[in-house]
Protein backbone atom coordinates (compact mmCIF):
# COMPACT_ATOMS: atom_id res chain seq x y z
CA TYR A 1 -2.60 25.01 -1.03
CA LEU A 2 -1.91 21.42 -0.60
CA VAL A 3 -4.26 20.40 2.13
CA TYR A 4 -4.00 16.43 3.81
CA LEU A 5 -6.65 14.83 5.07
CA SER A 6 -5.94 11.51 7.09
CA LEU A 7 -9.40 10.41 8.31
CA PRO A 8 -10.33 7.95 5.67
CA ASP A 9 -6.87 6.51 5.95
CA SER A 10 -7.20 6.02 9.50
CA LEU A 11 -10.67 4.94 10.10
CA GLY A 12 -10.27 2.48 6.94
CA HIS A 13 -7.33 0.87 9.27
CA LYS A 14 -9.16 0.81 12.25
CA PHE A 15 -12.58 -0.29 11.20
CA GLY A 16 -12.11 -1.61 7.66
CA PRO A 17 -13.38 -0.30 4.49
CA GLU A 18 -16.94 -2.18 4.72
CA SER A 19 -17.89 -1.48 8.45
CA LYS A 20 -21.04 0.71 9.30
CA ILE A 21 -19.06 3.22 11.20
CA PHE A 22 -16.53 4.02 8.45
CA ARG A 23 -19.17 4.36 5.87
CA ASP A 24 -21.39 6.86 8.60
CA GLU A 25 -17.77 8.59 9.04
CA LEU A 26 -17.12 9.07 5.42
CA ARG A 27 -20.60 10.82 4.83
CA THR A 28 -19.48 13.49 7.81
CA PHE A 29 -16.23 13.57 6.19
CA ASP A 30 -17.95 14.58 2.44
CA LYS A 31 -20.10 17.26 4.31
CA LEU A 32 -16.81 18.60 5.67
CA VAL A 33 -15.22 18.69 2.19
CA GLY A 34 -18.21 20.46 0.37
CA SER A 35 -18.37 22.84 3.20
CA PHE A 36 -14.55 23.95 2.63
CA VAL A 37 -15.01 23.70 -1.38
CA THR A 38 -17.81 26.36 -0.60
CA GLU A 39 -16.15 28.83 1.59
CA VAL A 40 -13.07 28.80 -1.05
CA LYS A 41 -15.13 29.48 -3.48
CA LEU A 42 -16.86 32.44 -1.76
CA ARG A 43 -13.19 33.73 -1.07
CA SER A 44 -11.44 33.13 -4.59
CA ARG A 45 -12.38 33.46 -8.19
CA SER A 46 -12.45 30.68 -10.16
CA PRO A 47 -10.72 28.22 -7.82
CA GLN A 48 -9.68 24.92 -8.95
CA PHE A 49 -9.63 21.62 -6.90
CA ILE A 50 -8.13 18.42 -6.91
CA PHE A 51 -9.32 15.75 -4.66
CA LEU A 52 -6.63 13.15 -4.44
CA GLY A 53 -7.23 9.51 -2.77
CA ASP A 54 -3.94 7.79 -3.83
CA HIS A 55 -4.82 4.28 -2.91
CA GLY A 56 -7.75 2.21 -1.96
CA MET A 57 -8.23 0.04 0.95
CA SER A 58 -8.98 -4.21 1.59
CA THR A 59 -10.90 -5.80 4.18
CA ILE A 60 -8.50 -8.07 6.40
CA LYS A 61 -9.66 -11.54 6.20
CA ASP A 62 -6.33 -13.13 7.92
CA THR A 63 -2.90 -12.62 9.51
CA PHE A 64 0.41 -13.82 8.49
CA ASP A 65 3.27 -14.08 11.19
CA ALA A 66 6.19 -13.58 8.53
CA GLU A 67 8.65 -13.13 11.32
CA ASP A 68 7.95 -16.59 12.82
CA GLU A 69 8.08 -18.55 9.21
CA VAL A 70 11.27 -16.68 7.76
CA ARG A 71 12.71 -17.83 11.39
CA ARG A 72 11.57 -21.48 10.70
CA ILE A 73 13.01 -21.64 7.21
CA CYS A 74 16.35 -20.09 8.47
CA MET A 75 16.52 -22.69 11.20
CA GLN A 76 15.99 -25.47 8.65
CA MET A 77 19.25 -24.27 6.69
CA ARG A 78 20.63 -23.49 9.76
CA LEU A 79 21.08 -19.66 9.03
CA GLN A 80 21.03 -17.05 11.86
CA ILE A 81 18.94 -13.87 11.47
CA HIS A 82 20.79 -10.85 11.95
CA LYS A 83 23.88 -12.33 10.88
CA ASP A 84 23.14 -14.58 7.67
CA VAL A 85 20.05 -12.82 6.73
CA HIS A 86 18.54 -9.28 7.74
CA LEU A 87 14.77 -8.69 7.00
CA PHE A 88 12.38 -5.81 7.42
CA LEU A 89 8.60 -6.41 7.73
CA ASP A 90 5.81 -3.94 6.27
CA SER A 91 2.55 -4.69 7.00
CA THR A 92 2.29 -6.16 3.02
CA LEU A 93 5.67 -6.74 2.10
CA VAL A 94 8.77 -8.62 3.53
CA ARG A 95 12.26 -7.66 2.27
CA ILE A 96 15.45 -9.73 2.81
CA TRP A 97 18.60 -8.83 2.79
CA ALA A 98 21.25 -11.96 2.50
CA ARG A 99 24.87 -11.82 3.49
CA THR A 100 26.09 -13.71 0.43
CA LYS A 101 24.82 -14.66 -2.79
CA ARG A 102 24.72 -18.21 -1.91
CA ILE A 103 22.76 -17.32 1.06
CA LYS A 104 20.22 -15.10 -0.96
CA ARG A 105 19.99 -18.02 -3.54
CA MET A 106 19.14 -20.49 -0.76
CA VAL A 107 16.53 -18.19 1.10
CA TYR A 108 15.11 -17.39 -2.37
CA ASP A 109 14.61 -21.11 -3.46
CA LYS A 110 13.46 -22.16 0.07
CA ILE A 111 10.41 -19.39 0.04
CA LEU A 112 9.66 -20.26 -3.47
CA SER A 113 9.15 -23.89 -2.65
CA ASP A 114 7.72 -23.33 1.07
CA ASN A 115 3.69 -24.33 0.91
CA ILE A 116 3.32 -21.80 3.59
CA PHE A 117 4.80 -18.90 1.81
CA SER A 118 2.95 -20.05 -1.05
CA GLU A 119 -0.21 -20.07 -0.07
CA ASN A 120 0.16 -16.51 1.59
CA GLY A 121 1.57 -14.58 -1.31
CA ARG A 122 4.48 -14.55 -3.86
CA LEU A 123 7.90 -13.66 -4.58
CA ILE A 124 8.32 -10.46 -6.49
CA THR A 125 10.35 -11.33 -9.91
CA ARG A 126 11.73 -9.22 -12.33
CA GLU A 127 8.56 -9.28 -14.32
CA ILE A 128 6.22 -8.33 -11.50
CA ALA A 129 8.89 -5.44 -10.60
CA GLU A 130 8.69 -4.11 -14.26
CA GLU A 131 4.98 -4.31 -14.26
CA HIS A 132 4.42 -2.33 -11.16
CA ASN A 133 7.69 -0.09 -11.60
CA ILE A 134 9.55 -1.66 -8.64
CA PRO A 135 12.92 -1.02 -8.60
CA TRP A 136 14.75 -4.35 -9.44
CA GLY A 137 18.38 -5.13 -8.27
CA ASP A 138 18.33 -2.10 -6.12
CA ARG A 139 19.67 -3.48 -2.56
CA ARG A 140 18.52 -0.59 -0.82
CA TYR A 141 14.77 -2.45 -1.32
CA GLY A 142 16.14 -6.08 -0.51
CA ASP A 143 17.49 -8.66 -1.95
CA ILE A 144 14.39 -10.69 -1.72
CA MET A 145 11.04 -9.42 -2.02
CA TRP A 146 7.96 -11.32 -0.87
CA TRP A 147 4.39 -10.04 -1.27
CA VAL A 148 1.54 -10.98 0.82
CA ASN A 149 -2.28 -12.09 -0.84
CA GLU A 150 -4.71 -9.27 -1.05
CA GLY A 151 -7.12 -9.45 2.44
CA ILE A 152 -3.73 -10.81 4.61
CA LEU A 153 -2.02 -8.80 7.26
CA ILE A 154 1.51 -9.27 8.09
CA HIS A 155 1.39 -8.93 11.89
CA PRO A 156 3.45 -8.41 14.00
CA ASP A 157 5.71 -5.92 11.09
CA TYR A 158 8.17 -3.60 12.31
CA PHE A 159 5.48 -0.55 12.57
CA HIS A 160 3.15 -2.69 15.05
CA SER A 161 4.03 -4.78 17.87
CA ARG A 162 3.13 -8.36 18.28
CA GLY A 163 0.55 -7.59 21.35
CA SER A 164 -0.89 -4.22 19.34
CA GLU A 165 -4.48 -3.89 17.86
CA LYS A 166 -4.62 -5.74 14.41
CA TYR A 167 -5.72 -3.42 11.40
CA LYS A 168 -8.85 -4.30 9.97
CA GLY A 169 -8.40 -2.66 6.58
CA MET A 170 -4.94 -2.73 4.79
CA HIS A 171 -3.62 -0.89 1.36
CA GLY A 172 -0.29 -1.98 -0.28
CA TYR A 173 -1.64 -4.66 -2.32
CA ASP A 174 -1.62 -5.71 -5.94
CA PRO A 175 -2.75 -2.39 -7.61
CA ASN A 176 -4.50 -4.50 -10.36
CA SER A 177 -7.38 -5.24 -7.67
CA ASN A 178 -10.30 -3.01 -7.92
CA ASP A 179 -9.99 -2.36 -4.12
CA SER A 180 -6.56 -1.07 -4.48
CA LYS A 181 -7.74 1.68 -6.59
CA GLY A 182 -8.04 5.21 -5.71
CA THR A 183 -9.94 8.40 -6.69
CA CYS A 184 -9.09 11.48 -8.36
CA ILE A 185 -11.76 14.45 -8.94
CA ILE A 186 -10.91 17.49 -10.58
CA TYR A 187 -13.28 20.32 -9.95
CA GLY A 188 -13.51 23.94 -11.20
CA GLU A 189 -15.65 26.26 -13.27
CA SER A 190 -13.08 26.00 -16.23
CA ILE A 191 -12.94 22.42 -16.13
CA SER A 192 -14.50 20.07 -18.75
CA HIS A 193 -16.67 17.42 -17.87
CA SER A 194 -14.90 13.65 -18.55
CA ILE A 195 -14.59 10.61 -16.95
CA HIS A 196 -11.33 8.43 -17.40
CA GLU A 197 -12.12 4.59 -15.88
CA GLU A 198 -8.34 4.11 -15.19
CA ILE A 199 -5.09 6.38 -14.90
CA GLU A 200 -2.00 5.76 -13.44
CA LEU A 201 -1.07 7.70 -10.11
CA SER A 202 1.87 9.43 -11.46
CA SER A 203 -0.24 10.77 -14.32
CA VAL A 204 -1.91 12.82 -11.66
CA PHE A 205 1.21 15.18 -11.53
CA ASP A 206 0.83 15.86 -15.30
CA LEU A 207 -2.78 17.09 -14.33
CA LEU A 208 -1.59 19.27 -11.64
CA LYS A 209 1.12 21.00 -14.06
CA ARG A 210 -1.28 21.71 -16.50
CA LEU A 211 -3.83 23.39 -13.78
CA LEU A 212 -0.95 25.39 -12.70
CA LYS A 213 0.62 25.89 -16.32
CA ILE A 214 3.89 24.66 -14.89
């Protein structure tokens, strides 16, 4: 059975991972999961469980209006958004598509040398993409990708309007950060006790196949 529980994620976004409300609700959530495990063990012989939190959560300390900043640099180069460049704003990532290779180079160099962009994030290079398995050279993901620093929220983005409530917690930052890392607990009578300080998220699939004997 695949069960998805959204409470930790939604509360982390709304209240922040360091808030008392979040921690109190997590205790309630732990009791709920404990009751679930007890009930399943009563109804099933030798059940096995995988509890997976696929990411962590960072506290938001500041916001960044990427839309205004992209518009500013485009005006400086006399480029038009929706004509010369198109953009998509995630909460932690700016994706830009350029009409021509020349415009792509102009925008890339401008962002690279711009103090405001440099202070708040970094351009994703081929090296960064290869390190984190980000598709490189595939235009579906953008001609230019700019990654915000941990603790900064791009607001507004294309999921949250300018007047919407700003999140107090966010994920999608550099996975090397401890706050970005998730948790995986494998539990069952036949599971030997071991602790792995760090594994790739993709390795959980191998664990599933092993437990399900696929």
